N, C-alpha and C. Protein backbone atom coordinates (compact mmCIF):
# COMPACT_ATOMS: atom_id res chain seq x y z
N MET A 1 34.33 -29.43 31.68
CA MET A 1 34.37 -28.62 30.03
C MET A 1 32.96 -28.92 29.53
N LYS A 2 32.54 -29.83 29.57
CA LYS A 2 31.59 -29.89 28.63
C LYS A 2 30.19 -29.23 28.76
N LEU A 3 30.09 -28.65 30.35
CA LEU A 3 29.00 -27.56 30.60
C LEU A 3 28.98 -26.36 29.90
N PRO A 4 30.27 -25.80 29.77
CA PRO A 4 30.46 -24.40 29.18
C PRO A 4 29.81 -24.66 27.67
N ARG A 5 30.64 -25.29 27.24
CA ARG A 5 30.39 -25.50 25.83
C ARG A 5 29.15 -25.96 25.29
N VAL A 6 28.34 -26.84 26.13
CA VAL A 6 26.73 -26.83 25.93
C VAL A 6 26.21 -25.85 25.99
N PHE A 7 26.72 -24.82 27.14
CA PHE A 7 26.03 -23.58 27.40
C PHE A 7 26.05 -22.44 26.08
N LEU A 8 27.28 -22.44 25.66
CA LEU A 8 27.66 -21.45 24.59
C LEU A 8 26.62 -21.86 23.43
N LEU A 9 26.72 -23.32 22.95
CA LEU A 9 25.72 -23.95 21.99
C LEU A 9 24.69 -23.71 22.31
N SER A 10 23.98 -23.67 23.40
CA SER A 10 22.71 -23.20 23.82
C SER A 10 22.48 -21.68 23.62
N LEU A 11 23.36 -21.00 24.15
CA LEU A 11 23.09 -19.46 23.88
C LEU A 11 23.12 -19.02 22.40
N ALA A 12 24.14 -19.46 21.71
CA ALA A 12 24.22 -19.20 20.23
C ALA A 12 22.89 -19.53 19.65
N ALA A 13 22.06 -20.96 19.56
CA ALA A 13 21.27 -21.59 19.24
C ALA A 13 20.12 -20.77 19.42
N GLY A 14 19.86 -20.01 20.85
CA GLY A 14 19.08 -19.21 21.37
C GLY A 14 18.76 -18.15 20.35
N ILE A 15 19.79 -17.17 20.40
CA ILE A 15 20.38 -15.93 19.87
C ILE A 15 19.69 -16.06 18.21
N PHE A 16 20.31 -17.41 17.77
CA PHE A 16 20.25 -17.47 16.33
C PHE A 16 18.66 -17.67 15.93
N GLY A 17 17.95 -18.09 16.81
CA GLY A 17 16.45 -18.36 16.96
C GLY A 17 15.83 -17.25 16.94
N VAL A 18 15.94 -16.29 17.56
CA VAL A 18 15.10 -14.97 18.12
C VAL A 18 15.36 -14.19 16.79
N LEU A 19 16.76 -14.28 16.42
CA LEU A 19 16.92 -13.36 15.24
C LEU A 19 16.38 -13.79 13.98
N LEU A 20 15.98 -15.26 13.64
CA LEU A 20 15.83 -16.33 12.55
C LEU A 20 13.84 -15.55 12.91
N LEU A 21 13.49 -15.83 13.92
CA LEU A 21 11.91 -15.14 14.32
C LEU A 21 11.64 -13.96 13.86
N ALA A 22 12.55 -13.30 14.49
CA ALA A 22 12.18 -11.46 14.18
C ALA A 22 12.27 -11.22 12.77
N GLY A 23 13.35 -11.95 12.10
CA GLY A 23 13.06 -11.61 10.33
C GLY A 23 12.11 -12.31 9.90
N VAL A 24 11.78 -13.62 10.30
CA VAL A 24 10.61 -13.81 9.64
C VAL A 24 9.45 -13.15 9.95
N SER A 25 9.18 -12.93 11.32
CA SER A 25 8.03 -11.93 11.10
C SER A 25 8.23 -10.80 10.67
N ARG A 26 9.27 -9.97 10.58
CA ARG A 26 9.24 -8.64 9.51
C ARG A 26 8.82 -8.74 8.53
N PHE A 27 9.22 -10.17 7.47
CA PHE A 27 8.83 -10.27 6.31
C PHE A 27 7.51 -10.90 6.15
N ASP A 28 6.85 -11.46 7.39
CA ASP A 28 5.58 -12.36 7.28
C ASP A 28 4.66 -11.71 7.77
N SER A 29 4.49 -10.32 8.36
CA SER A 29 3.42 -9.50 9.25
C SER A 29 2.49 -9.30 8.41
N GLY A 30 2.62 -8.84 7.16
CA GLY A 30 1.42 -8.18 6.24
C GLY A 30 1.54 -6.89 6.30
N ALA A 31 2.74 -6.74 6.80
CA ALA A 31 3.13 -5.13 6.44
C ALA A 31 3.45 -4.64 5.12
N PRO A 32 3.04 -3.38 4.72
CA PRO A 32 3.44 -2.97 3.17
C PRO A 32 4.96 -2.92 3.40
N PRO A 33 5.67 -3.33 2.39
CA PRO A 33 7.02 -2.82 2.24
C PRO A 33 7.49 -1.76 2.52
N ALA A 34 8.66 -1.33 2.64
CA ALA A 34 9.34 0.17 3.32
C ALA A 34 8.94 0.97 1.83
N PRO A 35 8.93 2.28 2.21
CA PRO A 35 8.21 2.97 1.12
C PRO A 35 9.55 3.67 0.62
N SER A 36 9.67 3.86 -0.90
CA SER A 36 10.80 4.39 -1.63
C SER A 36 11.35 5.96 -0.70
N PRO A 37 12.37 6.47 -1.18
CA PRO A 37 12.32 7.28 -0.57
C PRO A 37 11.47 8.75 -0.71
N VAL A 38 11.03 9.49 0.18
CA VAL A 38 9.94 10.42 0.29
C VAL A 38 10.28 11.53 -0.60
N SER A 39 9.67 12.21 -1.49
CA SER A 39 9.46 13.38 -2.21
C SER A 39 9.46 14.34 -1.32
N LYS A 40 10.18 15.48 -1.18
CA LYS A 40 10.25 16.31 -0.50
C LYS A 40 9.37 17.54 -1.45
N SER A 41 8.19 18.27 -0.96
CA SER A 41 8.01 19.64 -1.56
C SER A 41 8.55 20.66 -1.48
N LEU A 42 8.71 21.52 -2.40
CA LEU A 42 9.47 22.94 -2.68
C LEU A 42 8.15 23.60 -2.68
N LEU A 43 7.91 24.38 -4.01
CA LEU A 43 6.74 25.33 -4.06
C LEU A 43 5.93 25.07 -5.40
N ASP A 44 4.63 25.84 -5.18
CA ASP A 44 4.18 26.11 -6.41
C ASP A 44 4.04 24.26 -7.38
N GLY A 45 3.65 23.21 -6.50
CA GLY A 45 3.52 22.30 -7.39
C GLY A 45 4.62 21.45 -7.76
N VAL A 46 6.28 21.81 -7.18
CA VAL A 46 7.30 21.35 -7.69
C VAL A 46 7.86 20.20 -6.50
N ALA A 47 8.31 19.06 -6.44
CA ALA A 47 8.77 18.38 -5.29
C ALA A 47 10.27 17.82 -5.54
N VAL A 48 11.11 17.57 -5.09
CA VAL A 48 12.22 16.95 -5.25
C VAL A 48 12.62 15.73 -4.48
N ARG A 49 13.24 14.91 -4.97
CA ARG A 49 13.81 13.29 -4.51
C ARG A 49 15.02 13.06 -4.95
N GLU A 50 15.62 11.88 -4.44
CA GLU A 50 16.92 11.32 -4.76
C GLU A 50 16.37 10.43 -6.08
N GLN A 51 17.48 9.87 -6.43
CA GLN A 51 17.54 8.94 -7.77
C GLN A 51 16.62 7.90 -7.67
N ILE A 52 15.86 7.93 -8.34
CA ILE A 52 15.12 6.94 -8.61
C ILE A 52 15.23 5.55 -9.60
N GLY A 53 14.61 4.38 -9.27
CA GLY A 53 14.58 3.69 -10.15
C GLY A 53 13.63 3.36 -11.09
N LEU A 54 13.71 2.23 -12.04
CA LEU A 54 12.50 2.25 -13.01
C LEU A 54 11.44 1.72 -12.56
N ALA A 55 11.53 0.78 -11.55
CA ALA A 55 10.27 0.29 -10.47
C ALA A 55 9.52 1.45 -9.73
N ASP A 56 10.35 2.59 -9.91
CA ASP A 56 9.42 3.67 -8.98
C ASP A 56 8.88 4.44 -9.63
N VAL A 57 8.94 4.63 -11.48
CA VAL A 57 7.82 5.79 -12.14
C VAL A 57 6.61 5.11 -11.86
N ALA A 58 5.98 3.89 -11.87
CA ALA A 58 4.42 3.62 -11.97
C ALA A 58 4.11 4.09 -10.08
N ARG A 59 4.71 4.07 -9.18
CA ARG A 59 4.30 4.39 -8.13
C ARG A 59 4.39 6.31 -7.76
N ILE A 60 5.33 6.73 -8.82
CA ILE A 60 5.54 8.35 -8.75
C ILE A 60 4.55 8.83 -9.67
N ARG A 61 3.87 8.05 -10.38
CA ARG A 61 2.52 8.35 -11.23
C ARG A 61 1.30 8.36 -10.17
N ALA A 62 1.19 6.95 -9.61
CA ALA A 62 0.32 7.05 -8.61
C ALA A 62 0.41 8.00 -7.64
N GLU A 63 1.22 8.64 -7.25
CA GLU A 63 1.18 9.21 -5.83
C GLU A 63 0.78 10.59 -6.52
N GLY A 64 0.42 10.83 -7.73
CA GLY A 64 -0.13 11.89 -8.62
C GLY A 64 0.52 12.91 -9.00
N TYR A 65 1.91 12.63 -9.72
CA TYR A 65 2.78 13.32 -10.29
C TYR A 65 2.38 13.30 -11.86
N ARG A 66 2.66 14.54 -12.54
CA ARG A 66 2.09 14.35 -13.71
C ARG A 66 3.50 14.48 -14.78
N THR A 67 4.66 15.13 -14.01
CA THR A 67 5.73 15.61 -14.85
C THR A 67 6.85 15.22 -14.24
N LEU A 68 7.90 14.07 -15.04
CA LEU A 68 9.31 14.00 -13.71
C LEU A 68 10.71 14.41 -14.77
N ILE A 69 11.13 15.01 -13.80
CA ILE A 69 12.42 15.48 -14.51
C ILE A 69 13.63 15.27 -13.98
N ASP A 70 14.49 14.53 -14.76
CA ASP A 70 15.97 13.82 -14.59
C ASP A 70 17.08 14.82 -14.34
N LEU A 71 17.63 15.40 -13.59
CA LEU A 71 18.54 16.49 -13.60
C LEU A 71 20.21 15.78 -13.24
N ARG A 72 20.13 14.32 -13.33
CA ARG A 72 21.38 13.76 -13.37
C ARG A 72 21.82 13.33 -14.31
N PRO A 73 23.16 13.65 -14.54
CA PRO A 73 23.76 13.24 -16.17
C PRO A 73 23.76 11.65 -16.16
N ASP A 74 23.99 11.01 -17.31
CA ASP A 74 23.54 9.50 -17.46
C ASP A 74 25.20 9.12 -17.36
N GLY A 75 25.40 7.73 -16.76
CA GLY A 75 26.43 7.16 -16.56
C GLY A 75 27.32 8.20 -15.03
N GLU A 76 26.76 8.92 -14.70
CA GLU A 76 27.43 9.47 -13.34
C GLU A 76 28.05 8.05 -12.22
N ALA A 77 27.28 7.42 -12.23
CA ALA A 77 27.11 6.23 -11.06
C ALA A 77 27.01 4.75 -11.90
N PRO A 78 27.42 3.73 -11.25
CA PRO A 78 27.08 2.45 -11.40
C PRO A 78 25.61 1.97 -11.24
N GLY A 79 24.90 1.49 -11.80
CA GLY A 79 23.37 1.21 -11.79
C GLY A 79 22.71 2.41 -11.85
N GLN A 80 22.74 3.10 -12.45
CA GLN A 80 21.80 4.15 -12.23
C GLN A 80 20.86 3.92 -13.55
N PRO A 81 19.83 4.35 -13.75
CA PRO A 81 19.13 4.05 -14.93
C PRO A 81 19.34 4.94 -15.66
N PRO A 82 19.50 4.89 -17.23
CA PRO A 82 19.85 6.02 -18.03
C PRO A 82 18.77 6.96 -18.41
N ALA A 83 18.55 7.90 -18.76
CA ALA A 83 17.27 8.95 -18.83
C ALA A 83 16.65 8.12 -20.21
N ALA A 84 17.05 7.64 -21.31
CA ALA A 84 16.15 7.12 -21.96
C ALA A 84 15.25 5.94 -21.59
N ALA A 85 15.63 4.84 -20.52
CA ALA A 85 15.01 4.18 -19.99
C ALA A 85 13.98 4.65 -19.20
N VAL A 86 14.37 5.87 -18.26
CA VAL A 86 13.63 6.52 -17.21
C VAL A 86 12.14 6.84 -18.17
N ARG A 87 12.70 7.95 -19.44
CA ARG A 87 11.21 8.11 -20.27
C ARG A 87 10.64 7.50 -20.68
N GLU A 88 11.07 6.07 -21.27
CA GLU A 88 10.06 5.05 -21.64
C GLU A 88 9.33 4.83 -20.63
N ALA A 89 9.73 4.22 -19.58
CA ALA A 89 8.67 4.18 -18.31
C ALA A 89 7.85 5.19 -18.05
N ALA A 90 8.26 6.44 -18.01
CA ALA A 90 7.67 7.36 -17.66
C ALA A 90 6.42 7.66 -18.38
N GLU A 91 6.92 7.58 -20.07
CA GLU A 91 5.92 7.84 -20.94
C GLU A 91 4.74 6.81 -20.80
N LYS A 92 5.19 5.28 -20.53
CA LYS A 92 4.18 4.29 -20.29
C LYS A 92 3.57 4.02 -19.16
N ALA A 93 3.93 4.88 -18.12
CA ALA A 93 2.81 5.35 -16.96
C ALA A 93 2.28 6.65 -17.18
N GLY A 94 2.27 7.33 -18.15
CA GLY A 94 1.52 8.53 -18.57
C GLY A 94 2.12 9.95 -18.01
N LEU A 95 3.51 9.66 -17.78
CA LEU A 95 4.17 11.23 -17.27
C LEU A 95 5.02 11.68 -18.46
N THR A 96 4.85 12.93 -18.22
CA THR A 96 5.46 13.70 -19.04
C THR A 96 7.07 13.55 -18.71
N PHE A 97 8.00 13.83 -19.42
CA PHE A 97 9.35 13.42 -18.92
C PHE A 97 10.48 14.64 -19.54
N ALA A 98 11.38 15.04 -18.74
CA ALA A 98 12.06 15.84 -19.34
C ALA A 98 13.64 15.37 -18.63
N TYR A 99 14.67 16.07 -19.47
CA TYR A 99 15.97 15.64 -19.08
C TYR A 99 16.85 16.48 -18.98
N ILE A 100 17.39 17.14 -18.10
CA ILE A 100 18.07 18.00 -17.73
C ILE A 100 19.79 17.87 -17.09
N PRO A 101 20.54 17.32 -17.85
CA PRO A 101 21.65 16.66 -17.31
C PRO A 101 22.70 17.85 -16.46
N THR A 102 22.90 17.82 -15.25
CA THR A 102 23.35 19.16 -14.77
C THR A 102 24.57 18.01 -13.78
N PRO A 103 25.71 18.95 -14.40
CA PRO A 103 27.18 18.22 -13.72
C PRO A 103 27.25 18.40 -12.02
N ASN A 104 27.38 17.48 -11.35
CA ASN A 104 27.66 17.70 -9.85
C ASN A 104 28.59 18.67 -9.64
N GLY A 105 28.36 19.56 -8.61
CA GLY A 105 29.31 20.93 -8.24
C GLY A 105 28.68 22.17 -8.79
N ALA A 106 29.56 23.02 -9.35
CA ALA A 106 28.88 24.03 -10.07
C ALA A 106 28.05 23.96 -10.75
N ILE A 107 27.02 25.16 -10.85
CA ILE A 107 25.65 24.83 -11.46
C ILE A 107 25.71 25.93 -12.74
N PRO A 108 26.30 25.27 -14.48
CA PRO A 108 26.24 26.06 -15.11
C PRO A 108 24.90 26.80 -15.41
N GLN A 109 24.91 27.82 -15.71
CA GLN A 109 23.92 29.13 -16.06
C GLN A 109 22.46 28.50 -16.86
N SER A 110 22.99 27.73 -17.99
CA SER A 110 22.20 27.23 -18.93
C SER A 110 21.29 26.21 -18.27
N ARG A 111 21.58 25.52 -17.14
CA ARG A 111 20.70 24.66 -16.41
C ARG A 111 19.44 25.01 -15.65
N PRO A 112 19.67 26.12 -15.16
CA PRO A 112 18.53 26.79 -14.16
C PRO A 112 17.71 27.55 -15.36
N GLU A 113 18.12 28.06 -16.49
CA GLU A 113 17.42 28.49 -17.42
C GLU A 113 16.28 27.78 -18.23
N GLU A 114 17.22 26.66 -18.30
CA GLU A 114 16.19 25.52 -19.33
C GLU A 114 15.31 24.54 -18.32
N LEU A 115 15.72 24.46 -16.86
CA LEU A 115 14.45 24.07 -15.85
C LEU A 115 13.55 25.05 -15.87
N ALA A 116 13.89 26.41 -15.90
CA ALA A 116 12.55 27.07 -15.69
C ALA A 116 11.91 27.28 -16.99
N ARG A 117 12.03 27.11 -18.22
CA ARG A 117 11.51 27.20 -19.42
C ARG A 117 10.63 25.49 -19.14
N VAL A 118 11.27 24.36 -18.73
CA VAL A 118 10.49 23.22 -18.65
C VAL A 118 9.46 23.57 -17.56
N LEU A 119 9.73 23.63 -16.38
CA LEU A 119 8.76 23.95 -15.64
C LEU A 119 7.48 24.84 -16.12
N ALA A 120 7.88 25.94 -16.86
CA ALA A 120 6.63 26.86 -17.20
C ALA A 120 5.64 26.20 -18.36
N ASN A 121 6.20 25.36 -18.80
CA ASN A 121 5.48 24.13 -19.72
C ASN A 121 5.17 22.98 -19.57
N SER A 122 5.10 22.44 -18.12
CA SER A 122 4.80 21.60 -17.48
C SER A 122 3.70 21.47 -16.69
N ASP A 123 2.97 20.05 -16.70
CA ASP A 123 1.63 19.91 -15.84
C ASP A 123 2.23 19.69 -14.67
N LYS A 124 1.41 20.20 -13.34
CA LYS A 124 2.18 19.99 -12.32
C LYS A 124 0.88 18.96 -11.61
N PRO A 125 1.45 18.32 -10.97
CA PRO A 125 2.85 18.52 -9.61
C PRO A 125 4.10 17.75 -10.62
N VAL A 126 5.33 18.56 -10.31
CA VAL A 126 6.24 18.15 -11.03
C VAL A 126 7.31 17.44 -10.07
N LEU A 127 8.11 16.36 -10.07
CA LEU A 127 8.85 15.68 -9.41
C LEU A 127 10.49 16.01 -10.00
N LEU A 128 11.43 16.58 -9.47
CA LEU A 128 12.75 16.70 -9.87
C LEU A 128 13.62 15.48 -9.07
N TYR A 129 14.61 14.83 -9.61
CA TYR A 129 15.53 14.09 -8.82
C TYR A 129 16.67 14.09 -9.67
N CYS A 130 17.80 13.64 -8.99
CA CYS A 130 19.12 13.65 -9.05
C CYS A 130 19.51 12.55 -8.00
N ARG A 131 20.74 12.40 -7.94
CA ARG A 131 21.28 11.42 -6.99
C ARG A 131 20.81 11.68 -5.84
N SER A 132 20.92 12.93 -4.98
CA SER A 132 20.61 12.85 -3.68
C SER A 132 19.35 13.71 -3.34
N GLY A 133 18.70 14.70 -4.18
CA GLY A 133 17.89 15.60 -4.67
C GLY A 133 18.47 16.81 -4.23
N SER A 134 19.84 16.73 -3.95
CA SER A 134 20.84 18.20 -3.99
C SER A 134 20.48 19.39 -5.06
N ARG A 135 21.34 18.72 -5.93
CA ARG A 135 21.34 19.18 -7.37
C ARG A 135 20.03 19.81 -8.15
N ALA A 136 19.39 19.02 -7.72
CA ALA A 136 17.53 19.24 -8.00
C ALA A 136 17.29 20.62 -7.54
N ALA A 137 17.60 20.14 -6.15
CA ALA A 137 16.65 21.55 -5.15
C ALA A 137 17.49 22.83 -5.51
N ARG A 138 18.71 22.33 -5.86
CA ARG A 138 19.53 24.00 -5.84
C ARG A 138 19.20 24.38 -7.59
N VAL A 139 19.41 23.40 -8.28
CA VAL A 139 19.04 24.07 -9.87
C VAL A 139 17.54 24.83 -9.58
N TRP A 140 16.51 24.17 -9.09
CA TRP A 140 15.27 24.65 -9.04
C TRP A 140 15.20 25.88 -8.02
N ALA A 141 16.25 26.31 -6.84
CA ALA A 141 16.00 27.57 -6.28
C ALA A 141 16.58 28.48 -7.24
N LEU A 142 17.40 28.39 -7.96
CA LEU A 142 18.19 29.51 -9.12
C LEU A 142 17.04 29.78 -10.15
N ALA A 143 16.25 28.64 -10.54
CA ALA A 143 15.39 28.88 -11.54
C ALA A 143 14.19 29.71 -11.12
N GLU A 144 13.42 29.61 -9.71
CA GLU A 144 12.76 30.10 -8.79
C GLU A 144 13.00 31.33 -9.02
N ALA A 145 14.38 31.67 -8.23
CA ALA A 145 14.77 33.09 -8.09
C ALA A 145 14.57 34.27 -9.52
N ALA A 146 14.99 33.19 -10.50
CA ALA A 146 14.86 34.04 -11.66
C ALA A 146 13.50 34.67 -12.28
N ARG A 147 12.79 33.21 -11.88
CA ARG A 147 11.44 33.40 -12.25
C ARG A 147 10.43 34.92 -12.35
N THR A 148 9.91 35.77 -13.41
CA THR A 148 9.23 36.72 -12.70
C THR A 148 8.73 36.95 -11.76
N ASP A 149 7.68 35.96 -11.80
CA ASP A 149 6.93 35.89 -10.67
C ASP A 149 7.41 35.08 -9.43
N GLY A 150 8.36 34.85 -9.56
CA GLY A 150 8.86 33.52 -8.55
C GLY A 150 8.94 34.22 -7.11
N ALA A 151 9.06 33.05 -5.97
CA ALA A 151 8.82 33.41 -4.81
C ALA A 151 9.81 34.27 -4.27
N PRO A 152 9.99 35.05 -3.11
CA PRO A 152 11.20 35.69 -2.40
C PRO A 152 12.43 34.69 -2.02
N ALA A 153 13.33 35.61 -1.92
CA ALA A 153 14.31 34.62 -2.00
C ALA A 153 14.41 33.82 -0.34
N SER A 154 13.36 34.55 0.62
CA SER A 154 13.26 34.11 1.92
C SER A 154 12.85 32.51 1.53
N ALA A 155 11.45 32.78 0.94
CA ALA A 155 10.72 31.81 0.72
C ALA A 155 11.25 30.46 -0.05
N ILE A 156 12.09 30.88 -1.18
CA ILE A 156 12.87 29.97 -1.90
C ILE A 156 13.99 29.34 -0.65
N ALA A 157 14.63 29.96 -0.10
CA ALA A 157 15.57 29.25 0.79
C ALA A 157 15.03 28.21 1.69
N ALA A 158 13.80 28.91 2.33
CA ALA A 158 13.41 28.25 3.38
C ALA A 158 12.64 26.64 2.84
N ALA A 159 12.25 26.60 1.64
CA ALA A 159 11.64 25.64 0.83
C ALA A 159 12.98 24.62 0.18
N VAL A 160 14.04 25.02 0.16
CA VAL A 160 15.12 24.17 -0.08
C VAL A 160 15.27 23.52 1.27
N ARG A 161 15.55 24.48 2.10
CA ARG A 161 16.00 23.65 3.66
C ARG A 161 14.87 22.86 4.42
N ALA A 162 13.89 23.24 4.25
CA ALA A 162 12.37 22.37 4.26
C ALA A 162 13.07 20.72 3.46
N ALA A 163 13.62 20.89 2.42
CA ALA A 163 13.20 19.39 1.79
C ALA A 163 14.64 18.72 2.12
N GLY A 164 15.34 19.43 3.10
CA GLY A 164 16.54 18.73 3.55
C GLY A 164 18.01 19.21 2.85
N GLN A 165 17.95 20.08 1.93
CA GLN A 165 18.88 20.27 1.28
C GLN A 165 19.76 21.60 1.36
N LYS A 166 21.01 21.97 1.48
CA LYS A 166 21.57 23.29 1.67
C LYS A 166 21.67 24.12 0.38
N VAL A 167 21.61 25.41 0.99
CA VAL A 167 21.63 26.61 -0.05
C VAL A 167 22.32 27.58 0.16
N ASP A 168 22.56 27.44 1.74
CA ASP A 168 23.45 28.59 1.69
C ASP A 168 24.27 29.59 1.01
N ASP A 169 25.17 28.65 0.61
CA ASP A 169 26.11 29.10 -0.67
C ASP A 169 25.46 30.16 -1.84
N LEU A 170 24.35 29.89 -1.85
CA LEU A 170 23.71 30.30 -3.56
C LEU A 170 22.84 31.12 -2.59
N LEU A 171 22.62 31.75 -1.73
CA LEU A 171 21.95 32.74 -1.07
C LEU A 171 22.21 34.68 -2.26
N PRO A 172 23.50 34.59 -1.94
CA PRO A 172 23.84 35.73 -2.76
C PRO A 172 23.28 35.50 -4.31
N GLN A 173 23.61 34.69 -4.91
CA GLN A 173 22.96 34.38 -6.29
C GLN A 173 21.83 34.49 -6.40
N ILE A 174 20.82 33.90 -5.24
CA ILE A 174 19.39 33.94 -4.88
C ILE A 174 19.10 35.32 -4.97
N ASP A 175 19.65 36.45 -4.39
CA ASP A 175 18.90 37.28 -3.63
C ASP A 175 19.22 38.31 -5.00
N THR A 176 20.51 38.36 -5.86
CA THR A 176 20.88 38.97 -7.24
C THR A 176 19.88 38.70 -8.28
N LEU A 177 19.21 37.31 -8.38
CA LEU A 177 18.52 36.88 -9.56
C LEU A 177 17.05 37.86 -9.03
N VAL A 178 16.58 37.59 -7.50
CA VAL A 178 15.63 38.34 -7.14
C VAL A 178 15.56 39.53 -7.68
N ALA A 179 16.56 40.11 -7.03
CA ALA A 179 16.80 41.54 -7.36
C ALA A 179 16.76 42.21 -8.91
N GLN A 180 16.62 41.20 -9.75
CA GLN A 180 16.91 41.76 -11.20
C GLN A 180 15.47 41.57 -11.50
N ARG A 181 14.67 40.82 -10.98
CA ARG A 181 13.19 40.71 -11.25
C ARG A 181 12.55 42.06 -11.65
N ALA A 182 12.61 43.09 -10.46
CA ALA A 182 12.12 44.36 -10.97
C ALA A 182 12.67 45.14 -11.99
N ARG A 183 13.61 44.93 -12.61
CA ARG A 183 14.12 45.66 -13.54
C ARG A 183 13.24 45.53 -14.80
């Protein structure tokens, strides 16, 4: 009876040791920390990504972005930094900041219009963000579709898809906005 118990204790100690060693080597290897979520390029100097934290702002500036646009309403989720705090961090980092709170779900017509105005007057490259990047990409798609010299509908859809976001349900609206440019 003692032999199996000793074996099991030895086995458990061995497994624990391997896991401990793996964890120590992972954090002690001198490797850089895991990168923050990656920004995905859309078109014309505009990129999108998921929610940022205050600690991300300096890194965003170091990546070369000049303008940061928050499309997530304050208080949408616990732990989300308020726009005022992100604005302060952005300004300290030398970024221009804009806040265009867009509710989750249906996109109010005023939001793509406001984003288009902000983008037209922003230094590029520009980084848009929201909880997952989806809302930001979708609002951008509608703003780009309405822009007089905006990209074709197929390029807009391809850019949103390449950024890992869904756009198919917006295609009729994008097509309509693009068609209205010629008028």
